[in-house]
Protein backbone atom coordinates (compact mmCIF):
# COMPACT_ATOMS: atom_id res chain seq x y z
CA MET A 1 -6.57 -21.17 -22.90
CA LYS A 2 -9.36 -18.82 -22.64
CA TYR A 3 -9.13 -16.64 -19.03
CA TYR A 4 -12.36 -15.36 -17.18
CA PRO A 5 -11.57 -11.94 -16.70
CA VAL A 6 -12.00 -10.65 -13.41
CA TYR A 7 -11.54 -7.68 -11.11
CA LEU A 8 -10.30 -8.62 -7.48
CA ASP A 9 -11.19 -6.73 -4.07
CA LEU A 10 -7.92 -6.97 -2.31
CA ARG A 11 -8.78 -4.49 -0.01
CA ASP A 12 -7.16 -5.88 3.62
CA ARG A 13 -7.04 -10.00 1.90
CA PRO A 14 -3.74 -11.69 2.78
CA CYS A 15 -1.43 -12.05 -0.08
CA LEU A 16 2.02 -13.55 -0.03
CA VAL A 17 4.90 -12.42 -2.66
CA ILE A 18 7.38 -15.20 -2.66
CA GLY A 19 11.19 -14.02 -3.54
CA GLY A 20 12.57 -10.13 -2.96
CA GLY A 21 14.06 -9.24 -6.74
CA ALA A 22 12.62 -6.33 -9.16
CA VAL A 23 9.73 -8.47 -10.28
CA ALA A 24 8.26 -9.30 -6.85
CA GLU A 25 8.95 -5.70 -5.91
CA ARG A 26 6.72 -4.78 -9.05
CA LYS A 27 4.04 -6.88 -8.04
CA THR A 28 4.18 -5.77 -4.18
CA LEU A 29 3.56 -2.29 -5.25
CA SER A 30 0.79 -3.46 -7.19
CA LEU A 31 -1.10 -5.51 -4.25
CA LEU A 32 -0.17 -2.42 -1.91
CA GLY A 33 -2.05 0.00 -4.41
CA SER A 34 -5.13 -2.30 -4.40
CA GLY A 35 -5.15 -2.36 -0.64
CA ALA A 36 -3.68 -5.83 -0.11
CA GLY A 37 -2.04 -6.84 3.04
CA VAL A 38 1.48 -8.17 1.83
CA LYS A 39 3.95 -10.71 3.38
CA ILE A 40 7.05 -11.35 1.34
CA ILE A 41 9.38 -14.42 1.97
CA SER A 42 12.72 -13.83 0.86
CA PRO A 43 16.27 -14.16 2.21
CA GLU A 44 17.08 -10.79 0.44
CA LEU A 45 14.88 -7.96 -0.51
CA THR A 46 15.31 -5.00 -2.76
CA PRO A 47 16.14 -1.37 -1.78
CA LYS A 48 12.77 -0.34 -2.40
CA LEU A 49 11.09 -3.52 -0.28
CA ARG A 50 13.43 -3.26 2.48
CA ASP A 51 11.97 0.41 3.16
CA LEU A 52 8.38 -1.11 2.68
CA SER A 53 9.39 -3.43 5.43
CA GLU A 54 11.13 -0.86 7.84
CA THR A 55 8.43 1.38 7.62
CA GLY A 56 5.66 -1.41 8.57
CA LYS A 57 3.85 -1.30 4.94
CA ILE A 58 5.00 -5.00 4.26
CA THR A 59 5.95 -7.57 6.16
CA HIS A 60 9.36 -9.79 5.74
CA VAL A 61 10.06 -12.71 6.57
CA ALA A 62 13.99 -12.93 6.00
CA ARG A 63 13.87 -17.06 5.22
CA LYS A 64 13.34 -19.37 2.10
CA PHE A 65 9.52 -20.66 1.45
CA GLU A 66 8.25 -23.39 3.63
CA ASP A 67 4.86 -24.86 2.65
CA ARG A 68 3.25 -23.81 5.89
CA ASP A 69 3.64 -20.42 4.56
CA VAL A 70 0.49 -20.60 2.12
CA ALA A 71 -1.62 -21.00 5.47
CA CYS A 72 -4.65 -18.59 5.47
CA VAL A 73 -3.26 -16.68 2.16
CA PHE A 74 -5.95 -15.74 -0.52
CA LEU A 75 -3.24 -15.04 -2.99
CA VAL A 76 0.45 -16.10 -3.68
CA ILE A 77 2.76 -14.25 -6.37
CA VAL A 78 6.14 -16.33 -7.17
CA ALA A 79 8.71 -14.38 -8.17
CA THR A 80 12.03 -16.39 -7.10
CA ASP A 81 14.76 -16.91 -9.53
CA SER A 82 14.51 -20.66 -8.76
CA LEU A 83 12.31 -22.47 -11.70
CA GLU A 84 12.00 -25.71 -9.27
CA VAL A 85 10.95 -23.72 -6.07
CA ASN A 86 8.28 -21.57 -8.06
CA ARG A 87 6.71 -24.80 -9.42
CA HIS A 88 6.73 -26.43 -6.11
CA VAL A 89 4.91 -23.41 -4.74
CA ALA A 90 2.37 -23.67 -7.64
CA ASP A 91 1.58 -27.19 -7.12
CA ILE A 92 0.97 -26.52 -3.19
CA CYS A 93 -1.32 -23.55 -4.09
CA ALA A 94 -3.47 -25.46 -6.85
CA LYS A 95 -3.72 -28.46 -4.47
CA LYS A 96 -5.27 -25.60 -1.97
CA ASN A 97 -7.44 -23.82 -4.39
CA ILE A 98 -5.00 -20.70 -3.26
CA LEU A 99 -4.89 -18.12 -6.37
CA VAL A 100 -1.19 -18.05 -7.53
CA ASN A 101 0.85 -16.24 -10.20
CA VAL A 102 4.14 -17.94 -11.47
CA ALA A 103 6.26 -15.34 -12.74
CA ALA A 104 8.32 -18.37 -14.73
CA PRO A 105 6.63 -20.73 -15.38
CA PRO A 106 3.84 -18.69 -16.46
CA GLU A 107 2.17 -22.11 -17.14
CA LYS A 108 2.12 -22.58 -13.73
CA SER A 109 -0.67 -19.86 -12.76
CA THR A 110 -4.13 -19.89 -11.80
CA PHE A 111 -4.39 -16.06 -12.81
CA ILE A 112 -2.52 -13.56 -15.02
CA VAL A 113 -1.81 -9.86 -14.47
CA PRO A 114 -2.81 -8.06 -17.40
CA SER A 115 -1.46 -5.08 -18.84
CA VAL A 116 -3.04 -1.91 -17.20
CA VAL A 117 -4.25 1.30 -18.06
CA GLU A 118 -5.35 2.99 -15.18
CA ARG A 119 -6.69 6.75 -14.48
CA GLY A 120 -7.99 6.85 -11.33
CA GLU A 121 -10.69 4.51 -11.28
CA LEU A 122 -10.69 3.52 -14.43
CA LEU A 123 -9.07 0.30 -15.11
CA ILE A 124 -8.25 -1.10 -18.49
CA SER A 125 -6.78 -4.40 -18.59
CA ILE A 126 -5.54 -6.00 -21.79
CA SER A 127 -4.44 -9.40 -22.08
CA THR A 128 -3.41 -12.05 -25.07
CA SER A 129 -4.02 -14.62 -22.90
CA GLY A 130 -0.31 -15.05 -22.49
CA ALA A 131 0.31 -15.43 -26.25
CA SER A 132 2.18 -12.22 -26.84
CA PRO A 133 2.53 -10.03 -23.83
CA ALA A 134 4.57 -7.44 -25.92
CA LEU A 135 1.24 -7.04 -28.40
CA ALA A 136 -0.15 -6.12 -25.25
CA LYS A 137 2.29 -3.62 -24.07
CA ASN A 138 1.49 -1.73 -27.70
CA ILE A 139 -1.95 -1.93 -26.99
CA ARG A 140 -1.59 -0.49 -23.56
CA LYS A 141 0.72 2.16 -25.21
CA GLU A 142 -2.18 2.96 -27.75
CA LEU A 143 -4.96 3.37 -24.86
CA GLU A 144 -2.85 5.46 -22.40
CA GLY A 145 -2.50 8.11 -25.49
CA LYS A 146 -5.96 7.65 -26.29
CA TYR A 147 -7.39 7.84 -22.24
CA GLY A 148 -5.68 10.87 -20.45
CA PRO A 149 -5.70 11.81 -17.00
CA GLU A 150 -9.19 13.70 -17.97
CA TYR A 151 -10.86 10.43 -17.38
CA GLY A 152 -9.53 10.00 -13.53
CA LEU A 153 -10.94 13.58 -13.25
CA PHE A 154 -14.30 12.94 -14.57
CA LEU A 155 -14.87 9.44 -12.84
CA GLU A 156 -14.33 11.33 -9.67
CA LYS A 157 -17.08 13.99 -10.63
CA LEU A 158 -19.45 11.28 -11.34
CA ARG A 159 -19.06 9.58 -8.65
CA MET A 160 -19.61 12.47 -6.49
CA VAL A 161 -22.65 13.42 -8.40
CA ARG A 162 -23.97 9.79 -8.40
CA ASN A 163 -23.54 9.90 -4.11
CA HIS A 164 -25.08 13.06 -3.93
CA LEU A 165 -28.25 11.92 -6.04
CA VAL A 166 -28.36 8.60 -3.62
CA ASP A 167 -28.35 11.04 -0.54
CA GLU A 168 -30.88 12.96 -1.96
CA SER A 169 -33.42 9.62 -2.60
CA VAL A 170 -33.54 10.44 -6.02
CA ASP A 171 -35.05 7.44 -7.75
CA GLU A 172 -32.98 4.63 -9.56
CA ALA A 173 -34.46 5.57 -13.03
CA ALA A 174 -33.91 9.49 -12.59
CA ARG A 175 -30.62 8.68 -11.79
CA ARG A 176 -29.65 6.49 -14.38
CA ALA A 177 -31.16 9.54 -16.57
CA VAL A 178 -28.71 12.17 -15.27
CA LEU A 179 -25.52 10.06 -15.22
CA MET A 180 -26.30 9.20 -18.83
CA ALA A 181 -26.45 13.08 -19.82
CA LEU A 182 -23.20 13.84 -17.78
CA VAL A 183 -21.35 10.79 -19.71
CA ASP A 184 -23.23 12.28 -23.05
CA SER A 185 -21.95 16.05 -22.36
CA ASP A 186 -19.07 18.10 -23.09
CA ILE A 187 -17.47 17.88 -19.63
CA LEU A 188 -14.86 15.45 -20.84
CA ASP A 189 -13.53 18.01 -23.53
CA LEU A 190 -13.83 20.78 -20.54
CA LEU A 191 -11.25 18.63 -18.66
CA ARG A 192 -9.26 17.77 -21.23
CA ALA A 193 -8.77 21.41 -22.39
CA GLY A 194 -7.89 21.89 -18.50
CA LYS A 195 -11.29 24.35 -17.68
CA THR A 196 -11.98 22.70 -14.68
CA ARG A 197 -13.66 25.53 -13.16
CA GLU A 198 -16.07 24.97 -16.59
CA ALA A 199 -16.58 21.66 -15.98
CA GLU A 200 -17.54 22.13 -12.52
CA HIS A 201 -20.28 24.42 -13.22
CA ARG A 202 -21.25 22.24 -16.12
CA VAL A 203 -21.73 19.01 -13.68
CA TRP A 204 -23.71 20.40 -11.08
CA GLU A 205 -26.02 22.29 -13.99
CA LEU A 206 -26.82 18.86 -15.32
CA ALA A 207 -26.92 17.24 -11.85
CA GLY A 208 -29.87 19.50 -11.04
CA LYS A 209 -31.81 18.53 -13.72
CA VAL A 210 -33.68 15.56 -12.17
CA PRO A 211 -36.35 14.06 -14.29
CA GLY A 212 -39.86 14.19 -12.47
C-alpha cells in the first residue's frame, strides 16, 4: 500500500482515543502536543492519563466504547486490548469517513503514525508503509544524530525574520532572497557550536540586506 503523506492541523480538533493503557497514553500525549482536544473512552487509565484527566487536559469517560461515541469526532485512535473491539470501532469509522488509527490489527487503520524526528518546528517523518517499523526506528535514530537541537533554534530565527520582513512590507522576491541567504549562511554552524550571540548578530546582519 502506498500512503499519501500529509501533516494534519489538529489544533482544537475533537479527537477520540479508545483505550487507557500505555499505547493510548503515548498516542494521547502526541495528540495533546499538536493542540488537539482529546477525549478518552476507557474503564481504566494509566497514572499519567489519570493525572491529565484530573487536571482537565483531557476528558475521560470511564466506560467501554459505544457506537455513538464517534459522533462529531475528527480523528480516532483505537488502542484497546481487544481485537474485536478495535475492529468494530475501525469499521464504524470507515463507514462514517472518520480518520482512524488502530494499534492492532494495524491494517484496519485509514492512516498510520510515522516515526518522527522533532526539532522545534522541524518535523521529519519516516514511514515504511507498515512494512518494517524497526527499519523506520533505525532511520529515525540516524536522523536524530544528523539533525540536532540547533535546527529548532534556527527555525525560530527564520520565522522571526520572515515575520519581520512581512511587517516591513518587503516584497515576496526580496523576502525569498533574504531567507535563502540565511539558509545558505554559517548560522547553523554557529548555533551548533553554542555561539548564540554571534548567530543572532549574523541573522540580523543578513536580514538587513534586503535587495532593492
